[in-house]
PDB file of N, CA and C in Angstrom:
ATOM      1  N   MET A   1      37.161  23.762 -19.271  1.00  0.00           N
ATOM      2  CA  MET A   1      37.203  22.819 -20.252  1.00  0.00           C
ATOM      3  C   MET A   1      35.585  22.795 -21.059  1.00  0.00           C
ATOM      4  N   TYR A   2      36.215  22.553 -22.396  1.00  0.00           N
ATOM      5  CA  TYR A   2      34.883  22.354 -23.527  1.00  0.00           C
ATOM      6  C   TYR A   2      33.907  21.369 -22.939  1.00  0.00           C
ATOM      7  N   LEU A   3      34.430  20.041 -22.176  1.00  0.00           N
ATOM      8  CA  LEU A   3      33.624  19.094 -22.454  1.00  0.00           C
ATOM      9  C   LEU A   3      33.136  19.587 -20.760  1.00  0.00           C
ATOM     10  N   ASN A   4      33.247  20.322 -19.856  1.00  0.00           N
ATOM     11  CA  ASN A   4      32.642  20.356 -18.884  1.00  0.00           C
ATOM     12  C   ASN A   4      31.525  21.449 -18.856  1.00  0.00           C
ATOM     13  N   ASP A   5      31.504  22.111 -20.226  1.00  0.00           N
ATOM     14  CA  ASP A   5      30.194  22.807 -20.593  1.00  0.00           C
ATOM     15  C   ASP A   5      28.913  22.082 -20.900  1.00  0.00           C
ATOM     16  N   MET A   6      29.025  20.967 -21.511  1.00  0.00           N
ATOM     17  CA  MET A   6      28.010  19.951 -22.095  1.00  0.00           C
ATOM     18  C   MET A   6      27.024  19.979 -20.317  1.00  0.00           C
ATOM     19  N   ASP A   7      26.084  19.435 -21.000  1.00  0.00           N
ATOM     20  CA  ASP A   7      25.415  18.687 -20.158  1.00  0.00           C
ATOM     21  C   ASP A   7      25.144  17.902 -20.078  1.00  0.00           C
ATOM     22  N   GLY A   8      24.313  16.946 -18.958  1.00  0.00           N
ATOM     23  CA  GLY A   8      24.589  15.416 -18.877  1.00  0.00           C
ATOM     24  C   GLY A   8      23.593  14.732 -19.889  1.00  0.00           C
ATOM     25  N   ASP A   9      23.044  15.558 -20.757  1.00  0.00           N
ATOM     26  CA  ASP A   9      22.112  15.099 -21.762  1.00  0.00           C
ATOM     27  C   ASP A   9      23.425  14.776 -22.909  1.00  0.00           C
ATOM     28  N   PHE A  10      23.667  15.952 -23.395  1.00  0.00           N
ATOM     29  CA  PHE A  10      25.184  15.947 -23.942  1.00  0.00           C
ATOM     30  C   PHE A  10      25.844  14.647 -24.163  1.00  0.00           C
ATOM     31  N   LEU A  11      26.054  14.738 -22.835  1.00  0.00           N
ATOM     32  CA  LEU A  11      26.934  13.505 -22.767  1.00  0.00           C
ATOM     33  C   LEU A  11      27.040  12.324 -22.710  1.00  0.00           C
ATOM     34  N   ASP A  12      25.584  12.101 -22.133  1.00  0.00           N
ATOM     35  CA  ASP A  12      25.028  10.841 -22.222  1.00  0.00           C
ATOM     36  C   ASP A  12      24.560  10.586 -23.713  1.00  0.00           C
ATOM     37  N   ASP A  13      24.444  11.234 -24.857  1.00  0.00           N
ATOM     38  CA  ASP A  13      23.963  10.921 -25.867  1.00  0.00           C
ATOM     39  C   ASP A  13      25.057  10.593 -26.529  1.00  0.00           C
ATOM     40  N   ASN A  14      26.193  10.859 -26.358  1.00  0.00           N
ATOM     41  CA  ASN A  14      27.652  10.884 -27.064  1.00  0.00           C
ATOM     42  C   ASN A  14      28.662   9.790 -26.472  1.00  0.00           C
ATOM     43  N   GLY A  15      28.172   9.148 -25.095  1.00  0.00           N
ATOM     44  CA  GLY A  15      28.582   7.768 -24.762  1.00  0.00           C
ATOM     45  C   GLY A  15      29.639   8.171 -23.573  1.00  0.00           C
ATOM     46  N   TYR A  16      29.715   9.647 -22.967  1.00  0.00           N
ATOM     47  CA  TYR A  16      30.330  10.224 -21.973  1.00  0.00           C
ATOM     48  C   TYR A  16      29.491  10.083 -20.944  1.00  0.00           C
ATOM     49  N   SER A  17      30.348  10.277 -19.742  1.00  0.00           N
ATOM     50  CA  SER A  17      29.609  10.644 -18.213  1.00  0.00           C
ATOM     51  C   SER A  17      30.761  11.714 -17.832  1.00  0.00           C
ATOM     52  N   ARG A  18      30.340  12.451 -16.501  1.00  0.00           N
ATOM     53  CA  ARG A  18      31.340  13.468 -16.140  1.00  0.00           C
ATOM     54  C   ARG A  18      32.229  12.389 -15.342  1.00  0.00           C
ATOM     55  N   GLU A  19      31.934  11.666 -14.764  1.00  0.00           N
ATOM     56  CA  GLU A  19      33.162  10.616 -14.263  1.00  0.00           C
ATOM     57  C   GLU A  19      34.342  10.260 -15.028  1.00  0.00           C
ATOM     58  N   GLU A  20      33.729  10.189 -16.031  1.00  0.00           N
ATOM     59  CA  GLU A  20      35.001   9.594 -17.394  1.00  0.00           C
ATOM     60  C   GLU A  20      35.258  10.670 -17.890  1.00  0.00           C
ATOM     61  N   VAL A  21      34.363  11.824 -17.993  1.00  0.00           N
ATOM     62  CA  VAL A  21      36.303  13.065 -18.622  1.00  0.00           C
ATOM     63  C   VAL A  21      36.833  13.519 -17.578  1.00  0.00           C
ATOM     64  N   LEU A  22      36.098  13.479 -15.885  1.00  0.00           N
ATOM     65  CA  LEU A  22      37.155  13.689 -14.727  1.00  0.00           C
ATOM     66  C   LEU A  22      38.323  12.673 -14.830  1.00  0.00           C
ATOM     67  N   GLU A  23      38.181  11.039 -14.931  1.00  0.00           N
ATOM     68  CA  GLU A  23      38.998  10.249 -15.210  1.00  0.00           C
ATOM     69  C   GLU A  23      40.190  10.818 -16.216  1.00  0.00           C
ATOM     70  N   GLY A  24      39.808  10.571 -17.444  1.00  0.00           N
ATOM     71  CA  GLY A  24      40.301  11.009 -18.435  1.00  0.00           C
ATOM     72  C   GLY A  24      41.562  12.018 -18.343  1.00  0.00           C
ATOM     73  N   MET A  25      40.705  13.367 -17.356  1.00  0.00           N
ATOM     74  CA  MET A  25      41.621  14.414 -16.996  1.00  0.00           C
ATOM     75  C   MET A  25      42.359  14.193 -15.907  1.00  0.00           C
ATOM     76  N   LYS A  26      42.177  13.403 -15.120  1.00  0.00           N
ATOM     77  CA  LYS A  26      43.396  12.784 -14.290  1.00  0.00           C
ATOM     78  C   LYS A  26      44.383  12.186 -14.699  1.00  0.00           C
ATOM     79  N   ASP A  27      43.937  11.011 -15.511  1.00  0.00           N
ATOM     80  CA  ASP A  27      45.361  10.695 -16.442  1.00  0.00           C
ATOM     81  C   ASP A  27      45.789  11.557 -17.136  1.00  0.00           C
ATOM     82  N   LEU A  28      45.643  12.420 -17.886  1.00  0.00           N
ATOM     83  CA  LEU A  28      46.133  12.744 -18.851  1.00  0.00           C
ATOM     84  C   LEU A  28      47.510  13.540 -17.731  1.00  0.00           C
ATOM     85  N   ALA A  29      46.962  14.275 -16.628  1.00  0.00           N
ATOM     86  CA  ALA A  29      47.630  14.841 -15.563  1.00  0.00           C
ATOM     87  C   ALA A  29      48.657  13.754 -15.166  1.00  0.00           C
ATOM     88  N   SER A  30      48.889  12.678 -14.732  1.00  0.00           N
ATOM     89  CA  SER A  30      49.461  11.650 -14.532  1.00  0.00           C
ATOM     90  C   SER A  30      50.867  11.665 -15.630  1.00  0.00           C
ATOM     91  N   ASP A  31      49.992  11.811 -16.782  1.00  0.00           N
ATOM     92  CA  ASP A  31      50.962  11.047 -17.852  1.00  0.00           C
ATOM     93  C   ASP A  31      51.946  12.295 -17.626  1.00  0.00           C
ATOM     94  N   TRP A  32      51.785  13.318 -18.049  1.00  0.00           N
ATOM     95  CA  TRP A  32      52.000  14.800 -18.137  1.00  0.00           C
ATOM     96  C   TRP A  32      53.076  15.582 -16.319  1.00  0.00           C
ATOM     97  N   GLY A  33      53.049  14.319 -15.337  1.00  0.00           N
ATOM     98  CA  GLY A  33      53.575  14.548 -14.259  1.00  0.00           C
ATOM     99  C   GLY A  33      52.708  15.702 -13.376  1.00  0.00           C
ATOM    100  N   VAL A  34      51.605  15.950 -13.846  1.00  0.00           N
ATOM    101  CA  VAL A  34      50.708  17.540 -12.880  1.00  0.00           C
ATOM    102  C   VAL A  34      50.351  16.862 -12.030  1.00  0.00           C
ATOM    103  N   THR A  35      50.293  17.710 -10.523  1.00  0.00           N
ATOM    104  CA  THR A  35      49.637  16.974  -9.444  1.00  0.00           C
ATOM    105  C   THR A  35      48.992  17.617  -9.041  1.00  0.00           C
ATOM    106  N   GLY A  36      47.983  17.208  -7.816  1.00  0.00           N
ATOM    107  CA  GLY A  36      46.980  18.402  -7.071  1.00  0.00           C
ATOM    108  C   GLY A  36      46.148  18.014  -7.528  1.00  0.00           C
ATOM    109  N   LEU A  37      44.965  17.130  -8.852  1.00  0.00           N
ATOM    110  CA  LEU A  37      44.082  16.686  -9.145  1.00  0.00           C
ATOM    111  C   LEU A  37      43.286  15.685  -8.327  1.00  0.00           C
ATOM    112  N   GLU A  38      44.273  15.176  -7.133  1.00  0.00           N
ATOM    113  CA  GLU A  38      43.532  14.356  -6.779  1.00  0.00           C
ATOM    114  C   GLU A  38      41.781  14.706  -5.451  1.00  0.00           C
ATOM    115  N   ALA A  39      42.016  15.891  -5.669  1.00  0.00           N
ATOM    116  CA  ALA A  39      40.863  16.264  -5.233  1.00  0.00           C
ATOM    117  C   ALA A  39      39.597  16.656  -5.370  1.00  0.00           C
ATOM    118  N   PHE A  40      39.774  16.098  -6.359  1.00  0.00           N
ATOM    119  CA  PHE A  40      38.968  16.634  -7.640  1.00  0.00           C
ATOM    120  C   PHE A  40      37.947  14.924  -7.391  1.00  0.00           C
TER     121      PHE A  40
END
């Protein structure tokens, strides 16, 4: 994933956190009926 390749400083500078990226991925997966991301 592209955002996951960015370091923490880049994410902070652009108003994101790794937690927000993960939560967004989980939300998208849920919207599309994809399961199995609960472990992350």
